[in-house]
Amino acid sequence: MLKEDVKYLIFSSSCATYGHPETTPIKEDHPKNPISTYGKTKHMIEEILKDYKKAYGLNFISLRYFNAAGADLDGEIGENRNV
């Protein structure tokens, strides 16, 4: 990316960077405390991108997806906020 002078990046992140949320709905400034390897790697990459912005001027945005696949209307799969 540096060699090709890429200045903009859209990163596909995840709500897994937040871990178990302290409050819902989750706001962008909510503390990040990932509990899964998946969430940890997404969070780590976001931190690396911040460093790349400082060092190389890379502009980026992280899109965090929440339940992108949807939930079953019967509640058999998906997020259950009532527990």
N, C-alpha and C. Protein backbone atom coordinates (compact mmCIF):
# COMPACT_ATOMS: atom_id res chain seq x y z
N MET A 1 0.82 -1.18 0.00
CA MET A 1 0.00 0.00 0.00
C MET A 1 0.87 1.25 0.00
N LEU A 2 1.95 1.21 0.76
CA LEU A 2 2.85 2.36 0.76
C LEU A 2 3.48 2.56 -0.61
N LYS A 3 3.90 1.46 -1.21
CA LYS A 3 4.55 1.53 -2.52
C LYS A 3 3.61 2.11 -3.57
N GLU A 4 2.33 1.78 -3.47
CA GLU A 4 1.34 2.26 -4.45
C GLU A 4 0.68 3.57 -4.04
N ASP A 5 1.15 4.17 -2.93
CA ASP A 5 0.67 5.46 -2.45
C ASP A 5 -0.84 5.47 -2.13
N VAL A 6 -1.29 4.38 -1.52
CA VAL A 6 -2.69 4.31 -1.10
C VAL A 6 -2.88 5.26 0.08
N LYS A 7 -3.90 6.12 0.00
CA LYS A 7 -4.14 7.12 1.05
C LYS A 7 -5.46 6.89 1.79
N TYR A 8 -6.30 5.99 1.29
CA TYR A 8 -7.61 5.76 1.89
C TYR A 8 -7.87 4.26 2.02
N LEU A 9 -8.44 3.88 3.16
CA LEU A 9 -8.74 2.47 3.41
C LEU A 9 -10.06 2.36 4.16
N ILE A 10 -10.88 1.43 3.74
CA ILE A 10 -12.10 1.08 4.48
C ILE A 10 -11.85 -0.28 5.09
N PHE A 11 -11.90 -0.35 6.42
CA PHE A 11 -11.63 -1.59 7.13
C PHE A 11 -12.93 -2.20 7.63
N SER A 12 -13.13 -3.46 7.33
CA SER A 12 -14.30 -4.20 7.78
C SER A 12 -14.02 -4.75 9.18
N SER A 13 -14.53 -4.07 10.19
CA SER A 13 -14.28 -4.45 11.57
C SER A 13 -15.50 -5.19 12.13
N SER A 14 -15.68 -5.13 13.43
CA SER A 14 -16.74 -5.90 14.07
C SER A 14 -17.09 -5.31 15.43
N CYS A 15 -18.32 -5.51 15.85
CA CYS A 15 -18.70 -5.10 17.20
C CYS A 15 -18.02 -5.98 18.24
N ALA A 16 -17.37 -7.06 17.79
CA ALA A 16 -16.65 -7.94 18.71
C ALA A 16 -15.49 -7.21 19.39
N THR A 17 -15.12 -6.03 18.89
CA THR A 17 -14.06 -5.25 19.53
C THR A 17 -14.50 -4.74 20.90
N TYR A 18 -15.81 -4.68 21.14
CA TYR A 18 -16.32 -4.17 22.42
C TYR A 18 -16.39 -5.24 23.50
N GLY A 19 -16.41 -6.51 23.13
CA GLY A 19 -16.57 -7.57 24.13
C GLY A 19 -17.97 -7.55 24.69
N HIS A 20 -18.11 -7.78 25.99
CA HIS A 20 -19.42 -7.71 26.64
C HIS A 20 -19.73 -6.23 26.92
N PRO A 21 -20.71 -5.65 26.25
CA PRO A 21 -20.96 -4.22 26.43
C PRO A 21 -21.45 -3.88 27.84
N GLU A 22 -20.99 -2.73 28.33
CA GLU A 22 -21.43 -2.24 29.64
C GLU A 22 -22.82 -1.63 29.54
N THR A 23 -23.14 -1.05 28.38
CA THR A 23 -24.44 -0.43 28.13
C THR A 23 -24.88 -0.73 26.72
N THR A 24 -26.17 -0.68 26.49
CA THR A 24 -26.72 -0.77 25.14
C THR A 24 -27.76 0.33 24.99
N PRO A 25 -27.87 0.92 23.84
CA PRO A 25 -27.08 0.63 22.66
C PRO A 25 -25.62 1.04 22.86
N ILE A 26 -24.75 0.41 22.10
CA ILE A 26 -23.32 0.67 22.20
C ILE A 26 -22.99 1.91 21.38
N LYS A 27 -22.33 2.87 22.00
CA LYS A 27 -21.89 4.07 21.30
C LYS A 27 -20.45 3.91 20.85
N GLU A 28 -20.05 4.70 19.87
CA GLU A 28 -18.71 4.59 19.29
C GLU A 28 -17.60 4.72 20.32
N ASP A 29 -17.82 5.53 21.35
CA ASP A 29 -16.76 5.74 22.34
C ASP A 29 -16.81 4.73 23.50
N HIS A 30 -17.63 3.71 23.36
CA HIS A 30 -17.71 2.66 24.38
C HIS A 30 -16.33 2.00 24.52
N PRO A 31 -15.90 1.67 25.74
CA PRO A 31 -14.60 1.00 25.91
C PRO A 31 -14.52 -0.31 25.13
N LYS A 32 -13.37 -0.55 24.57
CA LYS A 32 -13.17 -1.79 23.81
C LYS A 32 -12.46 -2.79 24.70
N ASN A 33 -13.06 -3.96 24.83
CA ASN A 33 -12.52 -5.02 25.67
C ASN A 33 -12.86 -6.36 25.02
N PRO A 34 -12.25 -6.65 23.86
CA PRO A 34 -12.61 -7.87 23.15
C PRO A 34 -12.31 -9.12 23.96
N ILE A 35 -13.19 -10.11 23.84
CA ILE A 35 -13.03 -11.35 24.60
C ILE A 35 -12.69 -12.54 23.70
N SER A 36 -12.90 -12.39 22.40
CA SER A 36 -12.59 -13.48 21.47
C SER A 36 -11.34 -13.14 20.67
N THR A 37 -10.70 -14.14 20.14
CA THR A 37 -9.54 -13.92 19.27
C THR A 37 -9.95 -13.07 18.08
N TYR A 38 -11.11 -13.32 17.54
CA TYR A 38 -11.62 -12.55 16.40
C TYR A 38 -11.71 -11.06 16.77
N GLY A 39 -12.34 -10.76 17.90
CA GLY A 39 -12.46 -9.37 18.34
C GLY A 39 -11.12 -8.73 18.64
N LYS A 40 -10.22 -9.51 19.24
CA LYS A 40 -8.89 -9.00 19.56
C LYS A 40 -8.12 -8.63 18.30
N THR A 41 -8.20 -9.46 17.27
CA THR A 41 -7.46 -9.16 16.04
C THR A 41 -8.06 -7.96 15.33
N LYS A 42 -9.38 -7.83 15.33
CA LYS A 42 -10.01 -6.65 14.72
C LYS A 42 -9.58 -5.38 15.46
N HIS A 43 -9.56 -5.44 16.78
CA HIS A 43 -9.15 -4.28 17.59
C HIS A 43 -7.68 -3.96 17.34
N MET A 44 -6.84 -4.98 17.27
CA MET A 44 -5.42 -4.78 17.04
C MET A 44 -5.17 -4.09 15.68
N ILE A 45 -5.88 -4.53 14.67
CA ILE A 45 -5.72 -3.92 13.35
C ILE A 45 -6.16 -2.46 13.38
N GLU A 46 -7.23 -2.16 14.09
CA GLU A 46 -7.66 -0.76 14.21
C GLU A 46 -6.57 0.09 14.87
N GLU A 47 -5.91 -0.46 15.87
CA GLU A 47 -4.82 0.27 16.53
C GLU A 47 -3.64 0.46 15.58
N ILE A 48 -3.32 -0.56 14.79
CA ILE A 48 -2.24 -0.46 13.81
C ILE A 48 -2.58 0.61 12.77
N LEU A 49 -3.84 0.66 12.36
CA LEU A 49 -4.24 1.67 11.38
C LEU A 49 -4.08 3.09 11.94
N LYS A 50 -4.33 3.27 13.23
CA LYS A 50 -4.09 4.58 13.85
C LYS A 50 -2.62 4.96 13.75
N ASP A 51 -1.74 3.98 13.98
CA ASP A 51 -0.30 4.22 13.86
C ASP A 51 0.09 4.56 12.42
N TYR A 52 -0.51 3.87 11.46
CA TYR A 52 -0.21 4.13 10.05
C TYR A 52 -0.69 5.52 9.64
N LYS A 53 -1.79 5.97 10.23
CA LYS A 53 -2.26 7.33 9.94
C LYS A 53 -1.21 8.34 10.39
N LYS A 54 -0.69 8.15 11.60
CA LYS A 54 0.33 9.07 12.12
C LYS A 54 1.62 9.00 11.31
N ALA A 55 2.04 7.79 11.00
CA ALA A 55 3.34 7.60 10.35
C ALA A 55 3.32 7.90 8.85
N TYR A 56 2.22 7.52 8.17
CA TYR A 56 2.23 7.58 6.70
C TYR A 56 1.08 8.38 6.10
N GLY A 57 0.21 8.93 6.95
CA GLY A 57 -0.91 9.72 6.42
C GLY A 57 -2.04 8.88 5.85
N LEU A 58 -2.11 7.61 6.21
CA LEU A 58 -3.19 6.75 5.72
C LEU A 58 -4.50 7.14 6.39
N ASN A 59 -5.47 7.54 5.59
CA ASN A 59 -6.81 7.85 6.10
C ASN A 59 -7.63 6.57 6.06
N PHE A 60 -8.33 6.29 7.16
CA PHE A 60 -9.10 5.06 7.20
C PHE A 60 -10.39 5.26 7.98
N ILE A 61 -11.29 4.35 7.75
CA ILE A 61 -12.51 4.26 8.54
C ILE A 61 -12.74 2.80 8.86
N SER A 62 -13.19 2.53 10.07
CA SER A 62 -13.52 1.16 10.47
C SER A 62 -15.03 1.04 10.55
N LEU A 63 -15.58 0.15 9.78
CA LEU A 63 -17.01 -0.11 9.83
C LEU A 63 -17.23 -1.30 10.76
N ARG A 64 -17.96 -1.09 11.85
CA ARG A 64 -18.22 -2.17 12.80
C ARG A 64 -19.60 -2.73 12.57
N TYR A 65 -19.65 -4.00 12.25
CA TYR A 65 -20.92 -4.64 11.95
C TYR A 65 -21.51 -5.28 13.20
N PHE A 66 -22.79 -5.09 13.37
CA PHE A 66 -23.53 -5.63 14.50
C PHE A 66 -24.57 -6.60 13.95
N ASN A 67 -24.39 -7.88 14.26
CA ASN A 67 -25.36 -8.89 13.87
C ASN A 67 -25.70 -8.78 12.38
N ALA A 68 -24.68 -8.79 11.57
CA ALA A 68 -24.85 -8.57 10.14
C ALA A 68 -25.73 -9.63 9.48
N ALA A 69 -25.79 -10.83 10.04
CA ALA A 69 -26.57 -11.90 9.44
C ALA A 69 -28.02 -11.86 9.89
N GLY A 70 -28.34 -11.07 10.88
CA GLY A 70 -29.71 -11.02 11.37
C GLY A 70 -29.95 -12.07 12.44
N ALA A 71 -31.15 -12.05 12.97
CA ALA A 71 -31.52 -13.00 14.02
C ALA A 71 -32.81 -13.70 13.63
N ASP A 72 -32.96 -14.90 14.12
CA ASP A 72 -34.16 -15.69 13.89
C ASP A 72 -35.31 -15.06 14.69
N LEU A 73 -36.45 -14.86 14.05
CA LEU A 73 -37.59 -14.24 14.73
C LEU A 73 -38.08 -15.06 15.92
N ASP A 74 -37.81 -16.36 15.91
CA ASP A 74 -38.21 -17.22 17.04
C ASP A 74 -37.19 -17.17 18.17
N GLY A 75 -36.08 -16.46 17.96
CA GLY A 75 -35.07 -16.33 19.00
C GLY A 75 -34.16 -17.52 19.16
N GLU A 76 -34.15 -18.42 18.20
CA GLU A 76 -33.31 -19.62 18.30
C GLU A 76 -31.85 -19.32 18.00
N ILE A 77 -31.58 -18.33 17.16
CA ILE A 77 -30.21 -17.90 16.87
C ILE A 77 -30.17 -16.38 16.86
N GLY A 78 -29.00 -15.81 17.03
CA GLY A 78 -28.85 -14.36 17.00
C GLY A 78 -28.70 -13.82 18.42
N GLU A 79 -28.61 -12.51 18.50
CA GLU A 79 -28.36 -11.85 19.77
C GLU A 79 -29.62 -11.81 20.62
N ASN A 80 -29.47 -12.15 21.90
CA ASN A 80 -30.57 -12.08 22.86
C ASN A 80 -30.17 -11.09 23.94
N ARG A 81 -30.76 -9.91 23.92
CA ARG A 81 -30.40 -8.88 24.91
C ARG A 81 -31.20 -9.00 26.18
N ASN A 82 -32.04 -10.00 26.29
CA ASN A 82 -32.87 -10.17 27.48
C ASN A 82 -32.24 -11.09 28.52
N VAL A 83 -31.02 -11.55 28.27
CA VAL A 83 -30.35 -12.43 29.24
C VAL A 83 -29.27 -11.70 29.97
